[in-house]
Protein backbone atom coordinates (compact mmCIF):
# COMPACT_ATOMS: atom_id res chain seq x y z
CA MET A 1 -25.34 -17.53 27.05
CA LYS A 2 -27.29 -20.58 25.85
CA ILE A 3 -30.37 -21.07 28.00
CA THR A 4 -32.71 -24.07 27.98
CA ILE A 5 -36.23 -23.62 29.34
CA ALA A 6 -37.71 -26.93 30.50
CA THR A 7 -41.49 -27.08 30.76
CA VAL A 8 -44.16 -29.78 30.89
CA GLY A 9 -47.90 -29.58 30.27
CA THR A 10 -50.48 -28.05 27.98
CA ARG A 11 -50.25 -24.98 25.75
CA GLY A 12 -50.89 -22.77 28.78
CA ASP A 13 -47.76 -24.28 30.35
CA VAL A 14 -45.68 -23.61 27.24
CA GLN A 15 -46.82 -20.28 25.77
CA PRO A 16 -45.67 -18.08 28.69
CA TYR A 17 -42.20 -19.60 28.41
CA ILE A 18 -42.08 -18.77 24.71
CA ALA A 19 -42.74 -15.15 25.69
CA LEU A 20 -40.03 -15.35 28.34
CA GLY A 21 -37.65 -17.02 25.89
CA LEU A 22 -38.18 -14.27 23.31
CA GLY A 23 -37.42 -11.69 25.98
CA LEU A 24 -34.19 -13.50 26.87
CA GLN A 25 -33.31 -13.80 23.19
CA LYS A 26 -33.82 -10.05 22.76
CA SER A 27 -31.48 -9.57 25.72
CA GLY A 28 -28.74 -11.40 23.80
CA HIS A 29 -29.16 -15.02 24.87
CA GLN A 30 -29.60 -18.12 22.72
CA VAL A 31 -32.78 -19.86 23.90
CA GLN A 32 -34.36 -23.25 23.34
CA ILE A 33 -37.44 -24.77 24.95
CA ALA A 34 -37.39 -28.43 25.96
CA THR A 35 -40.88 -29.88 25.94
CA ASP A 36 -43.12 -32.38 24.14
CA SER A 37 -43.13 -32.48 20.33
CA THR A 38 -46.78 -31.39 20.38
CA PHE A 39 -45.47 -27.83 20.54
CA LYS A 40 -42.49 -28.09 18.15
CA GLY A 41 -44.07 -26.08 15.34
CA PHE A 42 -45.44 -23.44 17.71
CA ILE A 43 -42.04 -22.90 19.35
CA GLU A 44 -39.98 -22.89 16.15
CA ALA A 45 -42.43 -20.53 14.42
CA SER A 46 -41.83 -18.06 17.23
CA GLY A 47 -38.11 -18.05 16.46
CA LEU A 48 -36.83 -20.10 19.39
CA GLY A 49 -34.94 -23.38 19.42
CA PHE A 50 -36.71 -26.61 20.30
CA ALA A 51 -35.56 -29.77 22.07
CA ALA A 52 -37.85 -32.80 22.18
CA VAL A 53 -38.77 -34.23 25.57
CA LYS A 54 -41.37 -37.01 25.74
CA ALA A 55 -44.18 -35.69 27.93
CA ASP A 56 -47.37 -35.89 25.88
CA PRO A 57 -49.99 -33.69 27.59
CA ARG A 58 -52.91 -35.20 25.66
CA ARG A 59 -52.12 -38.65 26.98
CA ALA A 60 -51.84 -37.34 30.53
CA LEU A 61 -55.28 -35.73 30.30
CA GLN A 62 -57.15 -38.73 28.89
CA GLU A 63 -58.59 -39.84 32.23
CA ASP A 64 -61.59 -38.09 33.74
CA ILE A 65 -59.72 -35.26 35.43
CA ARG A 66 -62.97 -33.64 36.55
CA ARG A 67 -62.97 -36.09 39.43
CA ILE A 68 -59.54 -34.95 40.57
CA GLY A 69 -60.53 -31.32 41.11
CA SER A 70 -58.32 -29.76 43.80
CA ASN A 71 -58.35 -32.86 46.00
CA PRO A 72 -54.69 -33.07 47.09
CA VAL A 73 -54.60 -36.86 47.41
CA ARG A 74 -56.16 -37.43 43.98
CA LEU A 75 -53.92 -34.77 42.45
CA LEU A 76 -50.77 -36.33 43.87
CA ARG A 77 -51.85 -39.77 42.69
CA TRP A 78 -52.48 -38.37 39.20
CA ILE A 79 -49.02 -36.80 39.11
CA ASP A 80 -47.52 -40.09 40.26
CA ARG A 81 -49.40 -42.03 37.55
CA GLN A 82 -48.09 -39.66 34.88
CA PHE A 83 -44.56 -39.12 36.20
CA THR A 84 -43.38 -42.60 37.15
CA PRO A 85 -43.80 -44.34 33.75
CA LEU A 86 -42.20 -41.43 31.88
CA ALA A 87 -39.49 -40.50 34.37
CA ARG A 88 -36.56 -42.50 32.95
CA GLY A 89 -37.07 -41.27 29.38
CA TYR A 90 -37.67 -37.75 30.65
CA PHE A 91 -34.36 -37.65 32.54
CA ILE A 92 -32.53 -38.94 29.46
CA ASP A 93 -34.21 -36.43 27.12
CA VAL A 94 -33.67 -33.44 29.41
CA ARG A 95 -30.02 -34.35 29.92
CA ALA A 96 -29.55 -34.49 26.14
CA ALA A 97 -31.40 -31.18 25.68
CA CYS A 98 -29.26 -29.37 28.27
CA GLN A 99 -25.91 -30.89 27.29
CA ASP A 100 -24.53 -27.70 25.69
CA SER A 101 -26.50 -25.23 27.82
CA ASP A 102 -25.04 -22.61 30.12
CA ALA A 103 -28.16 -22.39 32.32
CA VAL A 104 -31.57 -24.02 32.75
CA LEU A 105 -34.90 -22.41 33.61
CA VAL A 106 -37.37 -24.86 35.13
CA SER A 107 -41.16 -24.89 35.26
CA ALA A 108 -42.97 -26.43 38.24
CA LEU A 109 -43.59 -29.86 36.68
CA ALA A 110 -40.24 -30.02 34.88
CA PHE A 111 -38.37 -30.34 38.19
CA ALA A 112 -36.17 -33.14 36.81
CA ALA A 113 -34.25 -30.44 34.95
CA MET A 114 -32.84 -29.15 38.25
CA HIS A 115 -31.20 -32.54 38.85
CA VAL A 116 -29.83 -32.47 35.30
CA ALA A 117 -28.41 -28.99 35.87
CA GLN A 118 -26.65 -30.22 39.01
CA ALA A 119 -25.12 -33.14 37.08
CA LEU A 120 -23.92 -30.82 34.31
CA GLY A 121 -22.58 -28.25 36.75
CA ILE A 122 -24.66 -25.39 35.36
CA PRO A 123 -26.98 -22.97 37.19
CA SER A 124 -30.74 -23.50 37.29
CA LEU A 125 -33.57 -21.15 38.19
CA ALA A 126 -37.15 -21.98 39.14
CA THR A 127 -39.63 -20.07 36.95
CA TYR A 128 -43.18 -20.92 37.98
CA LEU A 129 -46.67 -19.85 36.92
CA TYR A 130 -48.38 -20.45 40.29
CA PRO A 131 -47.22 -20.05 43.90
CA ILE A 132 -45.66 -22.98 45.74
CA THR A 133 -43.82 -21.06 48.47
CA PRO A 134 -45.56 -21.43 51.86
CA THR A 135 -47.32 -18.31 53.11
CA ARG A 136 -49.84 -17.33 55.76
CA SER A 137 -51.61 -15.02 53.29
CA PHE A 138 -53.54 -17.68 51.35
CA PRO A 139 -53.80 -21.49 51.07
CA SER A 140 -52.04 -23.68 48.55
CA MET A 141 -53.72 -24.68 45.30
CA ALA A 142 -54.54 -28.06 46.87
CA ALA A 143 -56.51 -26.55 49.76
CA SER A 144 -59.75 -24.64 50.22
CA SER A 145 -60.01 -21.03 51.32
CA LEU A 146 -60.91 -20.42 54.95
CA PRO A 147 -62.61 -17.37 56.49
CA LYS A 148 -60.08 -14.77 57.63
CA TRP A 149 -61.74 -14.49 61.03
CA LEU A 150 -60.96 -18.13 61.82
CA THR A 151 -58.42 -18.50 64.61
CA GLY A 152 -55.10 -19.76 63.25
CA VAL A 153 -56.07 -19.35 59.58
CA GLY A 154 -52.60 -18.02 58.70
CA TRP A 155 -50.91 -21.07 60.19
CA ILE A 156 -53.38 -23.38 58.42
CA ASN A 157 -52.64 -21.65 55.11
CA TRP A 158 -48.89 -22.03 55.64
CA MET A 159 -49.23 -25.68 56.60
CA SER A 160 -51.37 -26.41 53.52
CA PHE A 161 -48.35 -25.54 51.37
CA ARG A 162 -45.88 -27.42 53.54
CA LEU A 163 -47.92 -30.62 53.72
CA TYR A 164 -48.64 -30.71 49.99
CA ASN A 165 -45.02 -29.93 49.06
CA LEU A 166 -43.62 -32.56 51.44
CA ALA A 167 -46.11 -35.16 50.18
CA PHE A 168 -45.05 -34.36 46.61
CA PHE A 169 -41.36 -34.64 47.47
CA ARG A 170 -41.88 -37.90 49.36
CA MET A 171 -43.88 -39.40 46.48
CA THR A 172 -41.31 -38.61 43.77
CA LEU A 173 -38.09 -39.08 45.76
CA PRO A 174 -37.60 -42.86 45.28
CA VAL A 175 -37.89 -42.62 41.49
CA ILE A 176 -35.76 -39.49 41.35
CA ASN A 177 -32.99 -41.02 43.43
CA ASP A 178 -32.92 -44.14 41.27
CA LEU A 179 -32.59 -42.01 38.13
CA ARG A 180 -30.05 -39.64 39.65
CA LYS A 181 -27.80 -42.66 40.13
CA GLU A 182 -28.62 -44.50 36.89
CA ILE A 183 -28.84 -41.61 34.41
CA LEU A 184 -26.93 -38.74 36.02
CA GLY A 185 -24.34 -40.47 38.18
CA LEU A 186 -25.36 -38.43 41.21
CA PRO A 187 -25.79 -39.50 44.83
CA PRO A 188 -29.33 -39.76 46.24
CA VAL A 189 -31.08 -36.71 47.65
CA PRO A 190 -31.46 -37.13 51.41
CA TRP A 191 -34.96 -36.68 52.73
CA SER A 192 -33.61 -34.11 55.20
CA TYR A 193 -32.74 -31.80 52.29
CA TYR A 194 -36.37 -31.66 51.17
CA LEU A 195 -37.66 -30.90 54.66
CA ASN A 196 -36.87 -27.20 54.23
CA ILE A 197 -36.22 -26.63 50.52
CA ASP A 198 -39.57 -24.89 49.95
CA ILE A 199 -38.89 -22.37 52.73
CA SER A 200 -35.24 -21.79 51.83
CA ASP A 201 -33.60 -18.86 50.01
CA VAL A 202 -33.47 -20.71 46.68
CA PRO A 203 -34.85 -18.10 44.22
CA ILE A 204 -38.18 -18.56 42.48
CA ILE A 205 -39.40 -16.25 39.72
CA TYR A 206 -43.20 -16.18 39.51
CA GLY A 207 -44.84 -15.22 36.22
CA TYR A 208 -48.11 -13.71 37.44
CA SER A 209 -49.30 -10.26 38.47
CA LYS A 210 -48.87 -8.67 41.88
CA HIS A 211 -52.33 -7.18 41.34
CA VAL A 212 -53.74 -10.71 41.32
CA ILE A 213 -51.59 -12.13 44.13
CA PRO A 214 -49.59 -9.48 46.01
CA HIS A 215 -46.14 -10.39 47.33
CA PRO A 216 -46.83 -11.95 50.76
CA ALA A 217 -45.20 -10.23 53.72
CA ASP A 218 -43.70 -13.54 54.89
CA TRP A 219 -41.88 -14.24 51.62
CA GLY A 220 -38.22 -13.34 51.31
CA ALA A 221 -36.38 -11.20 48.78
CA THR A 222 -35.59 -14.23 46.61
CA GLN A 223 -39.27 -14.84 45.81
CA HIS A 224 -39.99 -12.60 42.81
CA ILE A 225 -43.37 -11.69 41.27
CA THR A 226 -42.73 -10.16 37.85
CA GLY A 227 -46.09 -9.87 36.14
CA TYR A 228 -47.51 -12.19 33.48
CA TRP A 229 -45.43 -13.38 30.53
CA PHE A 230 -47.65 -12.55 27.57
CA LEU A 231 -47.01 -13.71 24.00
CA ASP A 232 -48.67 -11.34 21.52
CA ASP A 233 -48.92 -11.44 17.75
CA PRO A 234 -49.57 -7.87 16.49
CA GLU A 235 -49.49 -9.08 12.88
CA TRP A 236 -52.41 -11.49 13.29
CA ARG A 237 -55.52 -10.71 11.24
CA PRO A 238 -58.93 -12.38 11.72
CA PRO A 239 -60.67 -14.26 8.92
CA ASP A 240 -63.50 -12.33 7.25
CA GLU A 241 -66.18 -14.65 8.66
CA LEU A 242 -65.07 -13.97 12.23
CA SER A 243 -64.98 -10.21 11.67
CA GLN A 244 -68.44 -10.32 10.13
CA PHE A 245 -69.82 -12.33 13.04
CA LEU A 246 -68.43 -9.88 15.58
CA GLU A 247 -69.82 -6.91 13.68
CA ALA A 248 -73.27 -8.48 13.27
CA GLY A 249 -74.42 -7.85 16.84
CA THR A 250 -73.54 -7.07 20.43
CA PRO A 251 -70.26 -8.40 21.88
CA PRO A 252 -70.54 -12.18 22.30
CA ILE A 253 -69.52 -14.48 25.14
CA TYR A 254 -66.31 -16.47 24.71
CA ILE A 255 -66.51 -20.12 25.75
CA GLY A 256 -63.48 -22.37 25.79
CA PHE A 257 -61.85 -24.89 28.09
CA GLY A 258 -58.51 -24.98 26.31
CA SER A 259 -56.50 -28.17 26.58
CA MET A 260 -58.90 -29.93 28.93
CA VAL A 261 -60.00 -33.30 27.56
CA ASP A 262 -63.66 -33.58 28.56
CA ALA A 263 -65.01 -37.14 28.73
CA GLU A 264 -68.51 -35.76 28.09
CA ALA A 265 -67.80 -33.21 25.38
CA LYS A 266 -71.23 -33.43 23.75
CA LYS A 267 -73.03 -33.06 27.09
CA THR A 268 -70.85 -30.07 27.93
CA THR A 269 -71.62 -28.49 24.56
CA ASP A 270 -75.35 -29.03 25.11
CA ILE A 271 -75.16 -27.35 28.54
CA VAL A 272 -73.34 -24.38 27.03
CA LEU A 273 -75.75 -24.00 24.12
CA GLU A 274 -78.82 -24.25 26.36
CA ALA A 275 -77.38 -21.66 28.74
CA LEU A 276 -76.76 -19.30 25.83
CA LYS A 277 -80.35 -19.81 24.68
CA LEU A 278 -81.70 -19.01 28.16
CA THR A 279 -79.62 -15.83 28.40
CA GLY A 280 -80.10 -14.70 24.80
CA GLN A 281 -76.36 -14.37 24.22
CA ARG A 282 -74.26 -14.84 21.13
CA ALA A 283 -71.00 -16.73 21.56
CA ILE A 284 -67.57 -17.56 20.22
CA LEU A 285 -66.95 -21.25 20.96
CA HIS A 286 -63.41 -22.59 21.05
CA GLY A 287 -63.45 -26.32 20.39
CA GLY A 288 -60.18 -27.04 22.19
CA TRP A 289 -58.81 -30.54 22.72
CA SER A 290 -62.32 -31.82 23.50
CA ASP A 291 -63.63 -30.47 20.16
CA LEU A 292 -66.65 -28.82 21.76
CA GLY A 293 -69.33 -27.97 19.24
CA SER A 294 -68.41 -30.79 16.87
CA HIS A 295 -72.07 -31.11 15.88
CA SER A 296 -74.32 -28.46 14.31
CA LEU A 297 -74.37 -25.06 15.98
CA PRO A 298 -76.96 -22.25 15.86
CA GLU A 299 -76.22 -19.13 13.83
CA THR A 300 -75.65 -17.24 17.07
CA VAL A 301 -72.55 -19.34 17.86
CA TYR A 302 -69.32 -19.11 15.86
CA LYS A 303 -66.72 -21.84 16.36
CA VAL A 304 -62.99 -21.06 16.29
CA SER A 305 -59.92 -23.26 16.55
CA ASP A 306 -56.95 -20.98 17.13
CA VAL A 307 -57.44 -17.25 17.69
CA PRO A 308 -55.00 -15.21 19.81
CA HIS A 309 -56.59 -14.41 23.16
CA SER A 310 -54.92 -11.01 23.13
CA TRP A 311 -56.92 -10.08 20.02
CA LEU A 312 -60.20 -11.84 20.80
CA PHE A 313 -60.82 -11.39 24.53
CA PRO A 314 -61.09 -7.57 24.62
CA ARG A 315 -63.93 -7.88 22.08
CA MET A 316 -65.99 -10.18 24.32
CA ALA A 317 -68.76 -9.37 26.83
CA ALA A 318 -67.53 -12.13 29.17
CA ILE A 319 -65.16 -15.08 29.06
CA ILE A 320 -66.15 -18.58 30.19
CA HIS A 321 -63.04 -20.69 30.70
CA HIS A 322 -61.42 -23.44 32.76
CA GLY A 323 -59.15 -21.30 34.92
CA GLY A 324 -55.81 -22.35 33.47
CA ALA A 325 -53.01 -19.93 34.32
CA GLY A 326 -52.54 -18.72 30.74
CA THR A 327 -56.21 -18.23 29.91
CA THR A 328 -56.80 -16.58 33.29
CA ALA A 329 -54.00 -14.12 32.61
CA ALA A 330 -55.32 -13.25 29.14
CA ALA A 331 -58.89 -12.83 30.41
CA LEU A 332 -57.78 -10.53 33.24
CA ARG A 333 -55.69 -8.37 30.91
CA ALA A 334 -58.68 -8.00 28.58
CA GLY A 335 -60.59 -6.27 31.38
CA VAL A 336 -63.85 -8.18 30.92
CA PRO A 337 -65.68 -10.41 33.44
CA ALA A 338 -65.03 -14.13 33.63
CA VAL A 339 -67.05 -17.22 34.47
CA ILE A 340 -64.67 -19.97 35.53
CA VAL A 341 -65.41 -23.69 35.32
CA PRO A 342 -62.31 -25.31 36.87
CA TYR A 343 -61.45 -28.94 36.17
CA PHE A 344 -58.38 -29.77 38.31
CA GLY A 345 -54.87 -28.83 39.41
CA ASP A 346 -54.22 -25.12 39.89
CA GLN A 347 -57.49 -24.16 38.16
CA PRO A 348 -59.67 -24.15 41.32
CA PHE A 349 -57.00 -21.98 42.98
CA TRP A 350 -57.16 -19.34 40.24
CA ALA A 351 -60.96 -19.58 40.11
CA ARG A 352 -61.20 -18.80 43.84
CA ARG A 353 -58.77 -15.93 43.56
CA ILE A 354 -60.54 -14.32 40.60
CA TYR A 355 -63.84 -14.56 42.48
CA GLN A 356 -62.23 -12.97 45.56
CA LEU A 357 -61.04 -10.09 43.39
CA GLY A 358 -64.63 -9.43 42.35
CA VAL A 359 -64.12 -9.92 38.61
CA SER A 360 -66.22 -13.06 38.28
CA PRO A 361 -69.26 -14.77 39.79
CA LYS A 362 -68.66 -17.73 42.08
CA PRO A 363 -66.85 -20.47 40.11
CA ILE A 364 -68.68 -23.58 38.97
CA PRO A 365 -66.56 -26.75 39.33
CA ARG A 366 -66.78 -28.85 36.15
CA ASP A 367 -68.47 -31.75 37.93
CA LYS A 368 -71.17 -29.31 39.19
CA LEU A 369 -71.80 -27.64 35.83
CA SER A 370 -75.43 -27.33 34.76
CA THR A 371 -77.44 -25.23 32.35
CA GLU A 372 -79.12 -23.30 35.14
CA LYS A 373 -75.89 -22.53 37.03
CA LEU A 374 -74.06 -21.46 33.89
CA ALA A 375 -76.92 -19.25 32.71
CA ALA A 376 -77.16 -17.54 36.10
CA ALA A 377 -73.40 -16.94 36.18
CA VAL A 378 -73.39 -15.49 32.66
CA LEU A 379 -76.16 -13.03 33.52
CA GLU A 380 -74.36 -12.01 36.72
CA ALA A 381 -71.10 -11.48 34.86
CA ILE A 382 -72.57 -9.25 32.16
CA GLN A 383 -75.16 -7.39 34.25
CA GLU A 384 -73.43 -6.75 37.59
CA LYS A 385 -71.82 -3.30 37.38
CA ASN A 386 -69.30 -3.95 40.15
CA ILE A 387 -67.97 -7.06 38.42
CA ARG A 388 -67.60 -5.23 35.12
CA GLU A 389 -65.85 -2.25 36.73
CA ASN A 390 -63.55 -4.43 38.83
CA ALA A 391 -62.57 -6.36 35.72
CA ARG A 392 -61.90 -3.15 33.80
CA GLN A 393 -59.72 -1.70 36.55
CA LEU A 394 -57.74 -4.90 37.07
CA GLY A 395 -57.15 -5.22 33.34
CA LYS A 396 -55.84 -1.65 33.27
CA HIS A 397 -53.32 -2.41 36.04
CA ILE A 398 -52.13 -5.63 34.37
CA CYS A 399 -51.64 -3.82 31.05
CA GLN A 400 -49.22 -1.46 32.78
CA GLU A 401 -46.92 -4.32 33.81
CA ASP A 402 -44.11 -5.79 31.72
CA GLY A 403 -43.56 -9.19 33.26
CA VAL A 404 -41.17 -10.46 30.61
CA THR A 405 -38.81 -7.49 30.92
CA ASP A 406 -38.82 -7.71 34.71
CA ALA A 407 -38.19 -11.47 34.64
CA VAL A 408 -35.34 -11.12 32.14
CA GLN A 409 -33.65 -8.50 34.32
CA ILE A 410 -33.87 -10.76 37.37
CA ILE A 411 -32.60 -13.80 35.45
CA ASP A 412 -29.70 -11.80 33.99
CA ARG A 413 -28.79 -10.55 37.44
CA TYR A 414 -28.66 -14.06 38.89
CA LEU A 415 -26.82 -15.59 35.95
CA SER A 416 -24.24 -12.79 35.79
CA GLU A 417 -22.78 -14.11 39.04
CA PRO A 418 -23.69 -17.81 39.13
CA GLU A 419 -21.17 -18.49 41.88
CA LYS A 420 -23.33 -16.36 44.21
CA LEU A 421 -26.60 -17.99 43.14
CA ILE A 422 -28.29 -19.99 45.85
CA GLN A 423 -29.78 -22.91 43.97
CA PHE A 424 -30.96 -26.48 44.15
CA ASN A 425 -27.86 -28.37 45.26
CA PRO A 426 -28.49 -31.39 47.50
């Protein structure tokens, strides 16, 4: 079976799907990933097919996303600003990518692929990295946590998902309906269909650990939590300079904000370096898309560009990161404490959850970051025994999971009888 995986976003939104794709390929499928050309070399080097879809993540992240945070209104407006101008080309590209496919797997922001699958008459499956299904157990990524003792907290949590999902559907529906008619030759989606789609039996496969977010009691049997989809490279070997730096002293702190484009990269670097000086820690600094550390660095800080998290993170004393789903997963598996500085989107959600699990100090939102706060958090992460032990135990549990294998088995089961698959079909 030829399967296309459609995904949109940064490396953290692509890498897990490469791992999933390799698992499907091992199971006997032919797999390609449809995403922006930024990741063409990365995908093809892994041994999977690639289909170009114009959705440049760097361009989308150029504005000051720190100000968006987890504010649902700002987040929806940001999605609208990015989606609307690209939508027509995206529909065309995804249709071309899926033309000869037998099935489509869809990430959360690549939802246009479900409409394409309907037009082509092939099955589609939602494969997401963060929860979107309403539950009383916890709030949506666009809402704040509430104390459990609060009367009606479960209902408020459930409604936080429903309201955000319905606002998202309402915002994108006019553009989608125009393109369904123009590009796909499909009738419009009635608003009534979207009123209950997020609480329906349409299957969703979630690529995160049940030890991080357990399966809520109010979810149905078609909501699957498989474990993380990790992409490892056992053949990777570090450069001599990196090995020598690691061997020259105690385990360092990792600092990296991945694909976040920081409008104040130099100021952020200065905050990080001053915090390291106050705490007396050595560090591995990942420049990322903001090119942190582009100026001179002290001998106690070693800058890297592209080192596999699976190799590097277990060698760290703590990991300071932005809370992206992929980096969060790798940090948890490593079994070392984290300090999370979330920027926007799902990052504040993961930051809150990791703090609740007791494997990190309280998160520091990017717009609240300061030398003093970061230094205090670093010391708490490396000195607090409970945090270190909680991180070690959680990492042990995550290492025992095989999310890719579990996800492949579920996907194969659904696709083996597509006529019985409940799917997006307005």
